[in-house]
């Protein structure tokens, strides 16, 4: 499992915009235009694009 961190408010907004529940996801990699997240329980990974 990758070591994820709790998402910030901007990360939570991006996760919510991707129709995911931000309470169930951790951030493990941050890039300039996207964040990589991992599910707290199932270790599923996804990439979410951030605006701005």
N, C-alpha and C. Protein backbone atom coordinates (compact mmCIF):
# COMPACT_ATOMS: atom_id res chain seq x y z
N UNK A 1 0.84 -1.18 0.00
CA UNK A 1 0.00 0.00 0.00
C UNK A 1 0.88 1.23 0.00
N UNK A 2 0.47 2.23 -0.76
CA UNK A 2 1.19 3.50 -0.78
C UNK A 2 0.78 4.31 0.43
N UNK A 3 1.67 5.15 0.91
CA UNK A 3 1.38 5.96 2.07
C UNK A 3 0.61 7.21 1.65
N UNK A 4 -0.67 7.21 1.88
CA UNK A 4 -1.50 8.34 1.51
C UNK A 4 -1.63 9.34 2.63
N UNK A 5 -1.91 10.59 2.26
CA UNK A 5 -2.13 11.67 3.21
C UNK A 5 -3.56 12.15 3.10
N UNK A 6 -4.06 12.75 4.15
CA UNK A 6 -5.41 13.30 4.12
C UNK A 6 -5.49 14.42 3.09
N UNK A 7 -6.56 14.49 2.32
CA UNK A 7 -6.68 15.54 1.31
C UNK A 7 -6.99 16.90 1.94
N UNK A 8 -6.47 17.95 1.29
CA UNK A 8 -6.77 19.31 1.72
C UNK A 8 -8.15 19.70 1.17
N UNK A 9 -8.59 20.91 1.47
CA UNK A 9 -9.90 21.35 1.01
C UNK A 9 -9.98 21.37 -0.51
N UNK A 10 -8.94 21.86 -1.18
CA UNK A 10 -8.93 21.89 -2.66
C UNK A 10 -8.93 20.48 -3.22
N UNK A 11 -8.20 19.57 -2.58
CA UNK A 11 -8.20 18.18 -3.03
C UNK A 11 -9.58 17.56 -2.85
N UNK A 12 -10.22 17.84 -1.72
CA UNK A 12 -11.56 17.30 -1.48
C UNK A 12 -12.55 17.79 -2.51
N UNK A 13 -12.43 19.05 -2.91
CA UNK A 13 -13.33 19.60 -3.93
C UNK A 13 -13.11 18.91 -5.27
N UNK A 14 -11.86 18.63 -5.62
CA UNK A 14 -11.57 17.93 -6.87
C UNK A 14 -12.08 16.50 -6.84
N UNK A 15 -11.93 15.83 -5.69
CA UNK A 15 -12.42 14.45 -5.55
C UNK A 15 -13.94 14.42 -5.64
N UNK A 16 -14.59 15.39 -5.01
CA UNK A 16 -16.04 15.47 -5.05
C UNK A 16 -16.53 15.77 -6.46
N UNK A 17 -15.78 16.60 -7.21
CA UNK A 17 -16.15 16.91 -8.59
C UNK A 17 -16.06 15.68 -9.48
N UNK A 18 -15.22 14.72 -9.09
CA UNK A 18 -15.10 13.46 -9.83
C UNK A 18 -16.14 12.43 -9.37
N UNK A 19 -17.11 12.89 -8.59
CA UNK A 19 -18.21 12.06 -8.08
C UNK A 19 -17.73 10.93 -7.19
N UNK A 20 -16.74 11.23 -6.35
CA UNK A 20 -16.23 10.28 -5.37
C UNK A 20 -16.41 10.88 -3.98
N UNK A 21 -16.46 10.02 -2.98
CA UNK A 21 -16.60 10.47 -1.60
C UNK A 21 -15.20 10.78 -1.05
N UNK A 22 -14.92 12.06 -0.74
CA UNK A 22 -13.57 12.41 -0.28
C UNK A 22 -13.18 11.78 1.06
N UNK A 23 -14.15 11.33 1.83
CA UNK A 23 -13.84 10.70 3.11
C UNK A 23 -13.19 9.33 2.94
N UNK A 24 -13.34 8.73 1.77
CA UNK A 24 -12.81 7.38 1.53
C UNK A 24 -11.49 7.36 0.76
N UNK A 25 -10.93 8.53 0.44
CA UNK A 25 -9.75 8.57 -0.42
C UNK A 25 -8.62 9.32 0.26
N UNK A 26 -7.38 8.88 -0.02
CA UNK A 26 -6.17 9.53 0.47
C UNK A 26 -5.32 9.95 -0.72
N UNK A 27 -4.58 11.04 -0.58
CA UNK A 27 -3.73 11.54 -1.66
C UNK A 27 -2.33 10.98 -1.47
N UNK A 28 -1.78 10.35 -2.54
CA UNK A 28 -0.42 9.81 -2.41
C UNK A 28 0.55 10.45 -3.39
N UNK A 29 0.08 11.22 -4.37
CA UNK A 29 0.98 11.92 -5.28
C UNK A 29 0.27 13.15 -5.82
N UNK A 30 0.99 14.28 -5.83
CA UNK A 30 0.42 15.54 -6.31
C UNK A 30 1.26 16.03 -7.48
N UNK A 31 0.61 16.29 -8.60
CA UNK A 31 1.26 16.89 -9.75
C UNK A 31 0.62 18.25 -9.99
N UNK A 32 1.11 18.99 -10.96
CA UNK A 32 0.62 20.35 -11.15
C UNK A 32 -0.84 20.40 -11.56
N UNK A 33 -1.31 19.46 -12.36
CA UNK A 33 -2.68 19.52 -12.84
C UNK A 33 -3.54 18.33 -12.41
N UNK A 34 -2.99 17.42 -11.64
CA UNK A 34 -3.77 16.26 -11.20
C UNK A 34 -3.25 15.72 -9.87
N UNK A 35 -4.10 14.95 -9.21
CA UNK A 35 -3.69 14.28 -7.98
C UNK A 35 -3.97 12.80 -8.14
N UNK A 36 -3.14 12.00 -7.54
CA UNK A 36 -3.31 10.56 -7.55
C UNK A 36 -3.82 10.18 -6.17
N UNK A 37 -4.92 9.44 -6.15
CA UNK A 37 -5.56 9.08 -4.88
C UNK A 37 -5.66 7.57 -4.74
N UNK A 38 -5.73 7.14 -3.50
CA UNK A 38 -5.85 5.71 -3.20
C UNK A 38 -7.00 5.53 -2.21
N UNK A 39 -7.79 4.49 -2.41
CA UNK A 39 -8.93 4.22 -1.54
C UNK A 39 -8.44 3.73 -0.18
N UNK A 40 -9.07 4.18 0.86
CA UNK A 40 -8.63 3.84 2.23
C UNK A 40 -8.68 2.34 2.51
N UNK A 41 -9.66 1.65 1.96
CA UNK A 41 -9.90 0.25 2.35
C UNK A 41 -9.54 -0.75 1.26
N UNK A 42 -9.79 -0.43 0.00
CA UNK A 42 -9.58 -1.41 -1.06
C UNK A 42 -8.28 -1.22 -1.83
N UNK A 43 -7.50 -0.17 -1.54
CA UNK A 43 -6.23 0.11 -2.20
C UNK A 43 -6.36 0.36 -3.70
N UNK A 44 -7.54 0.73 -4.16
CA UNK A 44 -7.75 1.10 -5.55
C UNK A 44 -7.17 2.49 -5.80
N UNK A 45 -6.47 2.67 -6.91
CA UNK A 45 -5.90 3.98 -7.21
C UNK A 45 -6.64 4.63 -8.37
N UNK A 46 -6.72 5.95 -8.35
CA UNK A 46 -7.33 6.73 -9.42
C UNK A 46 -6.57 8.03 -9.58
N UNK A 47 -6.74 8.66 -10.75
CA UNK A 47 -6.17 9.96 -11.01
C UNK A 47 -7.30 10.95 -11.19
N UNK A 48 -7.23 12.08 -10.48
CA UNK A 48 -8.26 13.10 -10.54
C UNK A 48 -7.60 14.38 -11.05
N UNK A 49 -8.22 15.01 -12.04
CA UNK A 49 -7.69 16.25 -12.60
C UNK A 49 -8.20 17.43 -11.77
N UNK A 50 -7.30 18.36 -11.49
CA UNK A 50 -7.65 19.56 -10.74
C UNK A 50 -7.74 20.74 -11.69
N UNK A 51 -8.68 21.63 -11.43
CA UNK A 51 -8.83 22.83 -12.23
C UNK A 51 -8.15 23.99 -11.53
N UNK A 52 -7.68 24.94 -12.31
CA UNK A 52 -7.10 26.14 -11.73
C UNK A 52 -5.70 26.13 -11.84
